[in-house]
Amino acid sequence: MMIGSMPTYRCFLLDKDGKLSDVSFSDHETDDDAVSWAERRLRTYSDCSHAELWVDDRIVRMISR
């Protein structure tokens, strides 16, 4: 999904059991910018053990604590 000229990334935050705790959306110019954003999101959720970052149907990165 694209809003304007930047792709919209989705960050799924999951707990230690793999259950979804939060999902958020944000537009970024590059994958690296989006990864930094997802890492910051994960740090703010102490009950989450990992994040999945997606753009369209492509997984960009899986991030663990």
PDB file of N, CA and C in Angstrom:
ATOM      1  N   MET A   1       0.856  -1.173   0.000  1.00  0.00           N
ATOM      2  CA  MET A   1       0.000   0.000   0.000  1.00  0.00           C
ATOM      3  C   MET A   1       0.898   1.231   0.000  1.00  0.00           C
ATOM      4  N   MET A   2       0.572   2.196  -0.815  1.00  0.00           N
ATOM      5  CA  MET A   2       1.337   3.430  -0.842  1.00  0.00           C
ATOM      6  C   MET A   2       0.407   4.611  -0.644  1.00  0.00           C
ATOM      7  N   ILE A   3       0.852   5.515   0.195  1.00  0.00           N
ATOM      8  CA  ILE A   3       0.151   6.775   0.395  1.00  0.00           C
ATOM      9  C   ILE A   3       1.119   7.844  -0.087  1.00  0.00           C
ATOM     10  N   GLY A   4       0.764   8.582  -1.111  1.00  0.00           N
ATOM     11  CA  GLY A   4       1.716   9.520  -1.683  1.00  0.00           C
ATOM     12  C   GLY A   4       2.802   8.745  -2.419  1.00  0.00           C
ATOM     13  N   SER A   5       4.039   9.173  -2.276  1.00  0.00           N
ATOM     14  CA  SER A   5       5.120   8.535  -3.019  1.00  0.00           C
ATOM     15  C   SER A   5       5.940   7.570  -2.175  1.00  0.00           C
ATOM     16  N   MET A   6       5.696   7.508  -0.876  1.00  0.00           N
ATOM     17  CA  MET A   6       6.459   6.608  -0.006  1.00  0.00           C
ATOM     18  C   MET A   6       5.644   5.367   0.323  1.00  0.00           C
ATOM     19  N   PRO A   7       6.307   4.214   0.387  1.00  0.00           N
ATOM     20  CA  PRO A   7       5.566   3.010   0.766  1.00  0.00           C
ATOM     21  C   PRO A   7       5.167   3.034   2.235  1.00  0.00           C
ATOM     22  N   THR A   8       4.053   2.421   2.531  1.00  0.00           N
ATOM     23  CA  THR A   8       3.565   2.296   3.902  1.00  0.00           C
ATOM     24  C   THR A   8       4.029   0.957   4.464  1.00  0.00           C
ATOM     25  N   TYR A   9       4.753   1.026   5.577  1.00  0.00           N
ATOM     26  CA  TYR A   9       5.258  -0.164   6.260  1.00  0.00           C
ATOM     27  C   TYR A   9       4.329  -0.517   7.407  1.00  0.00           C
ATOM     28  N   ARG A  10       4.255  -1.811   7.705  1.00  0.00           N
ATOM     29  CA  ARG A  10       3.459  -2.306   8.830  1.00  0.00           C
ATOM     30  C   ARG A  10       4.400  -2.981   9.814  1.00  0.00           C
ATOM     31  N   CYS A  11       4.259  -2.624  11.068  1.00  0.00           N
ATOM     32  CA  CYS A  11       5.068  -3.214  12.133  1.00  0.00           C
ATOM     33  C   CYS A  11       4.142  -3.998  13.055  1.00  0.00           C
ATOM     34  N   PHE A  12       4.343  -5.314  13.093  1.00  0.00           N
ATOM     35  CA  PHE A  12       3.561  -6.192  13.962  1.00  0.00           C
ATOM     36  C   PHE A  12       4.422  -6.530  15.176  1.00  0.00           C
ATOM     37  N   LEU A  13       3.937  -6.212  16.364  1.00  0.00           N
ATOM     38  CA  LEU A  13       4.650  -6.525  17.597  1.00  0.00           C
ATOM     39  C   LEU A  13       4.013  -7.751  18.228  1.00  0.00           C
ATOM     40  N   LEU A  14       4.843  -8.738  18.553  1.00  0.00           N
ATOM     41  CA  LEU A  14       4.346 -10.010  19.077  1.00  0.00           C
ATOM     42  C   LEU A  14       4.964 -10.300  20.436  1.00  0.00           C
ATOM     43  N   ASP A  15       4.163 -10.945  21.300  1.00  0.00           N
ATOM     44  CA  ASP A  15       4.669 -11.312  22.621  1.00  0.00           C
ATOM     45  C   ASP A  15       5.464 -12.614  22.529  1.00  0.00           C
ATOM     46  N   LYS A  16       5.957 -13.078  23.669  1.00  0.00           N
ATOM     47  CA  LYS A  16       6.824 -14.276  23.680  1.00  0.00           C
ATOM     48  C   LYS A  16       6.103 -15.525  23.186  1.00  0.00           C
ATOM     49  N   ASP A  17       4.760 -15.524  23.227  1.00  0.00           N
ATOM     50  CA  ASP A  17       3.980 -16.658  22.740  1.00  0.00           C
ATOM     51  C   ASP A  17       3.602 -16.512  21.264  1.00  0.00           C
ATOM     52  N   GLY A  18       4.057 -15.421  20.640  1.00  0.00           N
ATOM     53  CA  GLY A  18       3.750 -15.188  19.235  1.00  0.00           C
ATOM     54  C   GLY A  18       2.399 -14.556  18.980  1.00  0.00           C
ATOM     55  N   LYS A  19       1.758 -14.071  20.046  1.00  0.00           N
ATOM     56  CA  LYS A  19       0.446 -13.430  19.896  1.00  0.00           C
ATOM     57  C   LYS A  19       0.631 -11.948  19.591  1.00  0.00           C
ATOM     58  N   LEU A  20      -0.183 -11.450  18.691  1.00  0.00           N
ATOM     59  CA  LEU A  20      -0.127 -10.061  18.276  1.00  0.00           C
ATOM     60  C   LEU A  20      -0.495  -9.135  19.430  1.00  0.00           C
ATOM     61  N   SER A  21       0.390  -8.182  19.721  1.00  0.00           N
ATOM     62  CA  SER A  21       0.127  -7.192  20.759  1.00  0.00           C
ATOM     63  C   SER A  21      -0.233  -5.835  20.179  1.00  0.00           C
ATOM     64  N   ASP A  22       0.346  -5.510  19.023  1.00  0.00           N
ATOM     65  CA  ASP A  22       0.114  -4.195  18.434  1.00  0.00           C
ATOM     66  C   ASP A  22       0.494  -4.236  16.956  1.00  0.00           C
ATOM     67  N   VAL A  23      -0.160  -3.411  16.178  1.00  0.00           N
ATOM     68  CA  VAL A  23       0.229  -3.201  14.787  1.00  0.00           C
ATOM     69  C   VAL A  23       0.178  -1.703  14.524  1.00  0.00           C
ATOM     70  N   SER A  24       1.183  -1.209  13.806  1.00  0.00           N
ATOM     71  CA  SER A  24       1.192   0.204  13.466  1.00  0.00           C
ATOM     72  C   SER A  24       1.679   0.372  12.036  1.00  0.00           C
ATOM     73  N   PHE A  25       1.354   1.508  11.454  1.00  0.00           N
ATOM     74  CA  PHE A  25       1.644   1.804  10.060  1.00  0.00           C
ATOM     75  C   PHE A  25       2.426   3.106   9.989  1.00  0.00           C
ATOM     76  N   SER A  26       3.391   3.146   9.066  1.00  0.00           N
ATOM     77  CA  SER A  26       4.169   4.366   8.902  1.00  0.00           C
ATOM     78  C   SER A  26       4.808   4.386   7.524  1.00  0.00           C
ATOM     79  N   ASP A  27       4.881   5.577   6.925  1.00  0.00           N
ATOM     80  CA  ASP A  27       5.503   5.735   5.615  1.00  0.00           C
ATOM     81  C   ASP A  27       6.989   6.053   5.787  1.00  0.00           C
ATOM     82  N   HIS A  28       7.818   5.411   4.966  1.00  0.00           N
ATOM     83  CA  HIS A  28       9.267   5.646   5.010  1.00  0.00           C
ATOM     84  C   HIS A  28       9.828   5.604   3.599  1.00  0.00           C
ATOM     85  N   GLU A  29      10.901   6.361   3.393  1.00  0.00           N
ATOM     86  CA  GLU A  29      11.536   6.397   2.080  1.00  0.00           C
ATOM     87  C   GLU A  29      12.340   5.135   1.796  1.00  0.00           C
ATOM     88  N   THR A  30      12.950   4.540   2.843  1.00  0.00           N
ATOM     89  CA  THR A  30      13.814   3.372   2.642  1.00  0.00           C
ATOM     90  C   THR A  30      13.503   2.286   3.661  1.00  0.00           C
ATOM     91  N   ASP A  31      13.923   1.068   3.343  1.00  0.00           N
ATOM     92  CA  ASP A  31      13.789  -0.038   4.299  1.00  0.00           C
ATOM     93  C   ASP A  31      14.563   0.259   5.572  1.00  0.00           C
ATOM     94  N   ASP A  32      15.760   0.834   5.438  1.00  0.00           N
ATOM     95  CA  ASP A  32      16.578   1.129   6.625  1.00  0.00           C
ATOM     96  C   ASP A  32      15.865   2.084   7.568  1.00  0.00           C
ATOM     97  N   ASP A  33      15.210   3.108   7.027  1.00  0.00           N
ATOM     98  CA  ASP A  33      14.441   4.033   7.866  1.00  0.00           C
ATOM     99  C   ASP A  33      13.307   3.297   8.580  1.00  0.00           C
ATOM    100  N   ALA A  34      12.654   2.410   7.859  1.00  0.00           N
ATOM    101  CA  ALA A  34      11.542   1.656   8.437  1.00  0.00           C
ATOM    102  C   ALA A  34      12.033   0.690   9.515  1.00  0.00           C
ATOM    103  N   VAL A  35      13.173   0.062   9.300  1.00  0.00           N
ATOM    104  CA  VAL A  35      13.734  -0.853  10.305  1.00  0.00           C
ATOM    105  C   VAL A  35      14.041  -0.077  11.591  1.00  0.00           C
ATOM    106  N   SER A  36      14.634   1.092  11.474  1.00  0.00           N
ATOM    107  CA  SER A  36      14.919   1.921  12.669  1.00  0.00           C
ATOM    108  C   SER A  36      13.638   2.253  13.417  1.00  0.00           C
ATOM    109  N   TRP A  37      12.591   2.599  12.680  1.00  0.00           N
ATOM    110  CA  TRP A  37      11.301   2.897  13.293  1.00  0.00           C
ATOM    111  C   TRP A  37      10.747   1.665  14.027  1.00  0.00           C
ATOM    112  N   ALA A  38      10.820   0.491  13.389  1.00  0.00           N
ATOM    113  CA  ALA A  38      10.304  -0.736  14.004  1.00  0.00           C
ATOM    114  C   ALA A  38      11.107  -1.104  15.258  1.00  0.00           C
ATOM    115  N   GLU A  39      12.413  -0.904  15.215  1.00  0.00           N
ATOM    116  CA  GLU A  39      13.237  -1.183  16.401  1.00  0.00           C
ATOM    117  C   GLU A  39      12.848  -0.271  17.554  1.00  0.00           C
ATOM    118  N   ARG A  40      12.578   0.996  17.271  1.00  0.00           N
ATOM    119  CA  ARG A  40      12.122   1.919  18.325  1.00  0.00           C
ATOM    120  C   ARG A  40      10.766   1.487  18.881  1.00  0.00           C
ATOM    121  N   ARG A  41       9.871   1.045  17.993  1.00  0.00           N
ATOM    122  CA  ARG A  41       8.555   0.570  18.447  1.00  0.00           C
ATOM    123  C   ARG A  41       8.721  -0.622  19.386  1.00  0.00           C
ATOM    124  N   LEU A  42       9.572  -1.567  19.018  1.00  0.00           N
ATOM    125  CA  LEU A  42       9.777  -2.761  19.838  1.00  0.00           C
ATOM    126  C   LEU A  42      10.316  -2.390  21.216  1.00  0.00           C
ATOM    127  N   ARG A  43      11.226  -1.429  21.277  1.00  0.00           N
ATOM    128  CA  ARG A  43      11.793  -1.017  22.574  1.00  0.00           C
ATOM    129  C   ARG A  43      10.734  -0.422  23.501  1.00  0.00           C
ATOM    130  N   THR A  44       9.671   0.171  22.949  1.00  0.00           N
ATOM    131  CA  THR A  44       8.648   0.796  23.794  1.00  0.00           C
ATOM    132  C   THR A  44       7.642  -0.204  24.359  1.00  0.00           C
ATOM    133  N   TYR A  45       7.656  -1.431  23.855  1.00  0.00           N
ATOM    134  CA  TYR A  45       6.724  -2.461  24.319  1.00  0.00           C
ATOM    135  C   TYR A  45       7.505  -3.543  25.056  1.00  0.00           C
ATOM    136  N   SER A  46       7.603  -3.423  26.367  1.00  0.00           N
ATOM    137  CA  SER A  46       8.412  -4.357  27.159  1.00  0.00           C
ATOM    138  C   SER A  46       7.846  -5.773  27.158  1.00  0.00           C
ATOM    139  N   ASP A  47       6.546  -5.927  26.888  1.00  0.00           N
ATOM    140  CA  ASP A  47       5.940  -7.259  26.883  1.00  0.00           C
ATOM    141  C   ASP A  47       6.088  -7.970  25.530  1.00  0.00           C
ATOM    142  N   CYS A  48       6.689  -7.307  24.556  1.00  0.00           N
ATOM    143  CA  CYS A  48       6.851  -7.908  23.230  1.00  0.00           C
ATOM    144  C   CYS A  48       8.278  -8.423  23.060  1.00  0.00           C
ATOM    145  N   SER A  49       8.395  -9.583  22.420  1.00  0.00           N
ATOM    146  CA  SER A  49       9.713 -10.184  22.242  1.00  0.00           C
ATOM    147  C   SER A  49      10.262  -9.992  20.840  1.00  0.00           C
ATOM    148  N   HIS A  50       9.392  -9.749  19.877  1.00  0.00           N
ATOM    149  CA  HIS A  50       9.883  -9.526  18.529  1.00  0.00           C
ATOM    150  C   HIS A  50       8.873  -8.749  17.681  1.00  0.00           C
ATOM    151  N   ALA A  51       9.387  -8.280  16.552  1.00  0.00           N
ATOM    152  CA  ALA A  51       8.563  -7.510  15.623  1.00  0.00           C
ATOM    153  C   ALA A  51       8.763  -8.067  14.222  1.00  0.00           C
ATOM    154  N   GLU A  52       7.725  -7.932  13.417  1.00  0.00           N
ATOM    155  CA  GLU A  52       7.812  -8.240  11.995  1.00  0.00           C
ATOM    156  C   GLU A  52       7.504  -6.956  11.249  1.00  0.00           C
ATOM    157  N   LEU A  53       8.370  -6.616  10.315  1.00  0.00           N
ATOM    158  CA  LEU A  53       8.192  -5.410   9.522  1.00  0.00           C
ATOM    159  C   LEU A  53       7.881  -5.824   8.085  1.00  0.00           C
ATOM    160  N   TRP A  54       6.765  -5.328   7.583  1.00  0.00           N
ATOM    161  CA  TRP A  54       6.286  -5.687   6.240  1.00  0.00           C
ATOM    162  C   TRP A  54       6.042  -4.433   5.415  1.00  0.00           C
ATOM    163  N   VAL A  55       6.220  -4.571   4.108  1.00  0.00           N
ATOM    164  CA  VAL A  55       5.759  -3.571   3.145  1.00  0.00           C
ATOM    165  C   VAL A  55       5.089  -4.358   2.027  1.00  0.00           C
ATOM    166  N   ASP A  56       3.875  -3.999   1.722  1.00  0.00           N
ATOM    167  CA  ASP A  56       3.063  -4.768   0.769  1.00  0.00           C
ATOM    168  C   ASP A  56       3.076  -6.238   1.187  1.00  0.00           C
ATOM    169  N   ASP A  57       3.463  -7.157   0.295  1.00  0.00           N
ATOM    170  CA  ASP A  57       3.469  -8.576   0.651  1.00  0.00           C
ATOM    171  C   ASP A  57       4.890  -9.095   0.919  1.00  0.00           C
ATOM    172  N   ARG A  58       5.827  -8.172   1.184  1.00  0.00           N
ATOM    173  CA  ARG A  58       7.227  -8.527   1.414  1.00  0.00           C
ATOM    174  C   ARG A  58       7.606  -8.288   2.870  1.00  0.00           C
ATOM    175  N   ILE A  59       8.164  -9.317   3.504  1.00  0.00           N
ATOM    176  CA  ILE A  59       8.684  -9.109   4.845  1.00  0.00           C
ATOM    177  C   ILE A  59      10.053  -8.449   4.711  1.00  0.00           C
ATOM    178  N   VAL A  60      10.221  -7.346   5.409  1.00  0.00           N
ATOM    179  CA  VAL A  60      11.464  -6.584   5.345  1.00  0.00           C
ATOM    180  C   VAL A  60      12.458  -7.134   6.353  1.00  0.00           C
ATOM    181  N   ARG A  61      11.973  -7.367   7.574  1.00  0.00           N
ATOM    182  CA  ARG A  61      12.876  -7.848   8.613  1.00  0.00           C
ATOM    183  C   ARG A  61      12.066  -8.401   9.776  1.00  0.00           C
ATOM    184  N   MET A  62      12.613  -9.405  10.422  1.00  0.00           N
ATOM    185  CA  MET A  62      12.122  -9.882  11.707  1.00  0.00           C
ATOM    186  C   MET A  62      13.135  -9.408  12.730  1.00  0.00           C
ATOM    187  N   ILE A  63      12.663  -8.761  13.776  1.00  0.00           N
ATOM    188  CA  ILE A  63      13.525  -8.148  14.776  1.00  0.00           C
ATOM    189  C   ILE A  63      13.239  -8.782  16.127  1.00  0.00           C
ATOM    190  N   SER A  64      14.288  -9.256  16.781  1.00  0.00           N
ATOM    191  CA  SER A  64      14.155  -9.843  18.120  1.00  0.00           C
ATOM    192  C   SER A  64      14.852  -8.967  19.140  1.00  0.00           C
ATOM    193  N   ARG A  65      14.412  -9.100  20.382  1.00  0.00           N
ATOM    194  CA  ARG A  65      15.106  -8.385  21.470  1.00  0.00           C
ATOM    195  C   ARG A  65      16.452  -8.982  21.693  1.00  0.00           C
TER     196      ARG A  65
END
